[in-house]
């Protein structure tokens, strides 16, 4: 049996091989889709769980983990709508990779959902520890996608996963500090960083007569690198 990460308080419905536990009042952790983190995510999580159930019957499959906030509150950095879009996109990618005939997939993709909580409740230490343990059989995690939001715990989590030899693909992180050319071993990103965004904006305004009247809003949260 896989060792427990620590003496975590598991949430009701947490299943074997996966752990969903309480953190600052929210349920976070890793699931195959059988544990629904937010009521609005029920249909898409059930669809992912159904596809995963077909995949794990095969002898040849690997696991990809979607690591992102999957609970939302009025003070969190992500909305439930955004979370639903991320899960739907990951599910669409899973179906595209697996194709209509799972037996011919090489290999089939098992998609697990790793919820780090809202930006105020990030549980990166425990969740990334769970993902590292799942690198071994039978889960066989081979990549982590998503990577949440551009905050300090994301950097810590990326470093931990990279040091464990787990490749990562960031789909929404934009902070300059989260770049594969820095100390983020194993991290690739599919979106431009903040420096590229600002450079593009500058070029646009220069080509269109300037900004006109404008003001800048500054955030004094030093843990948020965006």
Protein backbone atom coordinates (compact mmCIF):
# COMPACT_ATOMS: atom_id res chain seq x y z
CA UNK A 1 0.00 0.00 0.00
CA UNK A 2 1.17 3.54 -0.69
CA UNK A 3 2.29 5.32 2.51
CA UNK A 4 0.21 8.16 3.81
CA UNK A 5 1.70 11.63 3.37
CA UNK A 6 1.07 12.50 7.01
CA UNK A 7 -1.68 12.31 9.60
CA UNK A 8 -4.06 14.19 7.31
CA UNK A 9 -7.74 14.51 8.14
CA UNK A 10 -9.40 12.89 5.14
CA UNK A 11 -12.63 14.28 3.72
CA UNK A 12 -15.63 11.92 3.57
CA UNK A 13 -15.59 10.08 0.24
CA UNK A 14 -11.80 10.09 -0.15
CA UNK A 15 -10.94 6.89 -2.00
CA UNK A 16 -8.01 4.45 -1.64
CA UNK A 17 -4.91 5.24 -3.76
CA UNK A 18 -5.97 8.89 -3.64
CA UNK A 19 -6.25 11.29 -0.73
CA UNK A 20 -8.58 14.26 -0.31
CA UNK A 21 -8.00 16.01 2.98
CA UNK A 22 -9.03 19.12 4.89
CA UNK A 23 -6.94 22.27 4.60
CA UNK A 24 -8.14 25.61 6.02
CA UNK A 25 -11.73 24.39 5.88
CA UNK A 26 -11.57 23.21 2.26
CA UNK A 27 -11.15 19.70 0.85
CA UNK A 28 -8.01 19.47 -1.28
CA UNK A 29 -5.83 16.66 -2.62
CA UNK A 30 -5.90 14.22 -5.51
CA UNK A 31 -8.81 12.30 -7.07
CA UNK A 32 -9.53 10.31 -10.21
CA UNK A 33 -12.73 12.31 -10.61
CA UNK A 34 -14.75 10.26 -8.13
CA UNK A 35 -14.50 12.98 -5.47
CA UNK A 36 -16.30 16.19 -6.52
CA UNK A 37 -14.50 19.26 -5.17
CA UNK A 38 -17.29 21.73 -5.99
CA UNK A 39 -20.96 20.97 -6.83
CA UNK A 40 -20.69 22.85 -10.14
CA UNK A 41 -17.88 20.53 -11.22
CA UNK A 42 -19.92 17.35 -10.78
CA UNK A 43 -20.76 16.63 -14.46
CA UNK A 44 -17.23 17.14 -15.80
CA UNK A 45 -15.61 15.24 -12.91
CA UNK A 46 -18.02 12.34 -13.44
CA UNK A 47 -17.12 12.29 -17.15
CA UNK A 48 -13.40 12.19 -16.28
CA UNK A 49 -13.99 9.40 -13.74
CA UNK A 50 -15.88 7.37 -16.36
CA UNK A 51 -13.04 7.67 -18.90
CA UNK A 52 -10.48 6.84 -16.23
CA UNK A 53 -12.39 3.70 -15.23
CA UNK A 54 -12.07 2.46 -18.83
CA UNK A 55 -8.38 3.37 -18.98
CA UNK A 56 -7.25 1.60 -15.78
CA UNK A 57 -8.66 -1.69 -17.07
CA UNK A 58 -5.87 -1.63 -19.64
CA UNK A 59 -2.39 -2.90 -18.87
CA UNK A 60 -0.66 -0.06 -20.67
CA UNK A 61 -1.46 3.45 -19.48
CA UNK A 62 0.17 6.46 -17.89
CA UNK A 63 -1.23 9.20 -15.68
CA UNK A 64 -1.28 12.95 -16.22
CA UNK A 65 -2.23 15.15 -13.25
CA UNK A 66 -4.06 18.46 -13.60
CA UNK A 67 -2.74 20.62 -10.75
CA UNK A 68 -4.82 23.76 -10.17
CA UNK A 69 -7.26 25.32 -7.68
CA UNK A 70 -10.56 23.42 -7.86
CA UNK A 71 -12.40 25.16 -5.06
CA UNK A 72 -13.45 28.77 -5.24
CA UNK A 73 -14.60 31.48 -2.86
CA UNK A 74 -15.42 35.18 -3.05
CA UNK A 75 -11.83 36.01 -2.12
CA UNK A 76 -10.05 33.45 -4.32
CA UNK A 77 -7.99 34.27 -7.39
CA UNK A 78 -9.93 31.95 -9.70
CA UNK A 79 -13.64 31.63 -10.42
CA UNK A 80 -15.64 28.42 -10.61
CA UNK A 81 -16.25 29.14 -14.31
CA UNK A 82 -12.51 29.22 -14.98
CA UNK A 83 -11.99 26.01 -13.02
CA UNK A 84 -14.74 24.30 -15.03
CA UNK A 85 -13.13 25.46 -18.29
CA UNK A 86 -9.76 24.06 -17.21
CA UNK A 87 -11.23 20.67 -16.32
CA UNK A 88 -13.22 20.58 -19.56
CA UNK A 89 -10.10 21.39 -21.58
CA UNK A 90 -8.08 18.69 -19.80
CA UNK A 91 -10.87 16.17 -20.41
CA UNK A 92 -11.02 17.11 -24.09
CA UNK A 93 -7.26 16.56 -24.30
CA UNK A 94 -7.61 13.17 -22.62
CA UNK A 95 -10.28 12.06 -25.09
CA UNK A 96 -8.25 13.31 -28.05
CA UNK A 97 -5.16 11.42 -26.85
CA UNK A 98 -7.04 8.21 -26.11
CA UNK A 99 -9.07 8.19 -29.32
CA UNK A 100 -12.16 6.14 -29.96
CA UNK A 101 -10.35 2.82 -29.43
CA UNK A 102 -8.58 2.72 -26.07
CA UNK A 103 -6.88 -0.57 -26.90
CA UNK A 104 -4.96 1.20 -29.66
CA UNK A 105 -3.91 4.21 -27.56
CA UNK A 106 -0.15 4.28 -27.04
CA UNK A 107 -0.36 4.63 -24.13
CA UNK A 108 -3.82 5.51 -22.85
CA UNK A 109 -4.03 8.59 -20.61
CA UNK A 110 -5.43 8.41 -17.10
CA UNK A 111 -6.28 11.94 -15.89
CA UNK A 112 -6.18 12.70 -12.17
CA UNK A 113 -7.24 15.98 -10.59
CA UNK A 114 -4.97 17.60 -8.00
CA UNK A 115 -6.74 20.38 -6.12
CA UNK A 116 -4.41 22.76 -4.28
CA UNK A 117 -7.29 24.85 -2.89
CA UNK A 118 -8.00 28.53 -3.44
CA UNK A 119 -5.16 31.03 -3.55
CA UNK A 120 -5.60 31.61 0.18
CA UNK A 121 -5.58 27.92 1.04
CA UNK A 122 -2.80 26.57 -1.15
CA UNK A 123 -1.70 23.13 0.03
CA UNK A 124 1.18 22.72 -2.37
CA UNK A 125 3.43 20.89 0.09
CA UNK A 126 1.01 18.05 0.78
CA UNK A 127 -0.44 17.87 -2.74
CA UNK A 128 2.92 17.82 -4.53
CA UNK A 129 4.08 15.17 -2.05
CA UNK A 130 1.10 13.02 -3.03
CA UNK A 131 1.89 13.50 -6.72
CA UNK A 132 5.53 12.50 -6.23
CA UNK A 133 4.43 9.31 -4.46
CA UNK A 134 2.11 8.54 -7.39
CA UNK A 135 5.03 8.53 -9.83
CA UNK A 136 5.45 4.86 -8.96
CA UNK A 137 3.12 2.04 -10.06
CA UNK A 138 0.21 1.58 -10.22
CA UNK A 139 -0.60 5.27 -10.83
CA UNK A 140 2.48 6.00 -12.99
CA UNK A 141 2.28 9.80 -13.10
CA UNK A 142 4.39 10.99 -16.03
CA UNK A 143 3.46 14.69 -16.28
CA UNK A 144 1.70 17.50 -14.45
CA UNK A 145 -0.31 20.14 -16.32
CA UNK A 146 -2.07 23.34 -15.27
CA UNK A 147 0.17 24.56 -12.46
CA UNK A 148 -2.41 26.90 -10.93
CA UNK A 149 -1.63 30.57 -10.40
CA UNK A 150 1.49 32.76 -10.36
CA UNK A 151 2.15 32.81 -6.62
CA UNK A 152 5.03 31.77 -4.36
CA UNK A 153 3.68 28.27 -3.53
CA UNK A 154 3.49 27.51 -7.27
CA UNK A 155 7.24 28.09 -7.50
CA UNK A 156 7.86 25.82 -4.51
CA UNK A 157 5.64 23.13 -5.99
CA UNK A 158 7.26 23.36 -9.42
CA UNK A 159 10.71 23.02 -7.89
CA UNK A 160 9.63 19.96 -5.88
CA UNK A 161 8.07 18.25 -8.90
CA UNK A 162 11.02 19.13 -11.13
CA UNK A 163 13.49 17.73 -8.61
CA UNK A 164 11.43 14.53 -8.57
CA UNK A 165 11.83 14.23 -12.34
CA UNK A 166 8.18 14.94 -13.19
CA UNK A 167 7.77 17.15 -16.31
CA UNK A 168 5.30 20.05 -16.02
CA UNK A 169 3.34 22.10 -18.56
CA UNK A 170 2.01 25.43 -17.29
CA UNK A 171 -1.17 26.50 -19.07
CA UNK A 172 -2.01 29.75 -17.25
CA UNK A 173 1.03 30.79 -15.20
CA UNK A 174 2.55 34.02 -16.52
CA UNK A 175 4.96 35.30 -13.84
CA UNK A 176 8.50 35.94 -15.07
CA UNK A 177 9.80 33.87 -12.14
CA UNK A 178 8.05 30.76 -13.50
CA UNK A 179 10.20 30.17 -16.55
CA UNK A 180 12.07 27.05 -17.65
CA UNK A 181 15.20 29.11 -18.32
CA UNK A 182 15.46 30.02 -14.62
CA UNK A 183 15.49 27.53 -11.75
CA UNK A 184 12.29 25.77 -12.85
CA UNK A 185 13.71 22.42 -13.96
CA UNK A 186 11.29 20.42 -16.08
CA UNK A 187 8.76 23.23 -16.53
CA UNK A 188 7.44 24.27 -19.95
CA UNK A 189 4.85 26.99 -20.49
CA UNK A 190 2.33 27.53 -23.29
CA UNK A 191 1.50 31.17 -22.52
CA UNK A 192 3.65 34.33 -22.69
CA UNK A 193 5.16 35.69 -19.49
CA UNK A 194 4.42 39.12 -18.01
CA UNK A 195 7.49 40.70 -19.62
CA UNK A 196 6.29 39.55 -23.07
CA UNK A 197 2.77 40.81 -22.37
CA UNK A 198 4.02 44.26 -21.36
CA UNK A 199 6.36 44.46 -24.35
CA UNK A 200 3.50 43.60 -26.71
CA UNK A 201 1.24 46.21 -25.09
CA UNK A 202 3.97 48.84 -25.42
CA UNK A 203 4.44 48.02 -29.10
CA UNK A 204 0.69 48.20 -29.70
CA UNK A 205 0.30 51.60 -28.07
CA UNK A 206 3.35 52.96 -29.87
CA UNK A 207 1.80 51.90 -33.16
CA UNK A 208 -1.61 53.38 -32.31
CA UNK A 209 -0.81 56.87 -31.05
CA UNK A 210 -0.09 56.09 -27.41
CA UNK A 211 -2.33 55.29 -24.46
CA UNK A 212 -3.95 58.67 -23.89
CA UNK A 213 -5.23 59.10 -20.34
CA UNK A 214 -4.30 56.13 -18.18
CA UNK A 215 -3.58 55.11 -14.62
CA UNK A 216 -1.81 52.12 -13.11
CA UNK A 217 -3.15 49.86 -10.39
CA UNK A 218 -0.48 48.28 -8.20
CA UNK A 219 -0.90 45.23 -5.95
CA UNK A 220 1.19 45.16 -2.77
CA UNK A 221 0.83 41.37 -2.30
CA UNK A 222 4.48 40.31 -2.53
CA UNK A 223 3.56 36.61 -2.81
CA UNK A 224 1.65 37.18 -6.08
CA UNK A 225 4.18 37.45 -8.90
CA UNK A 226 1.71 38.37 -11.64
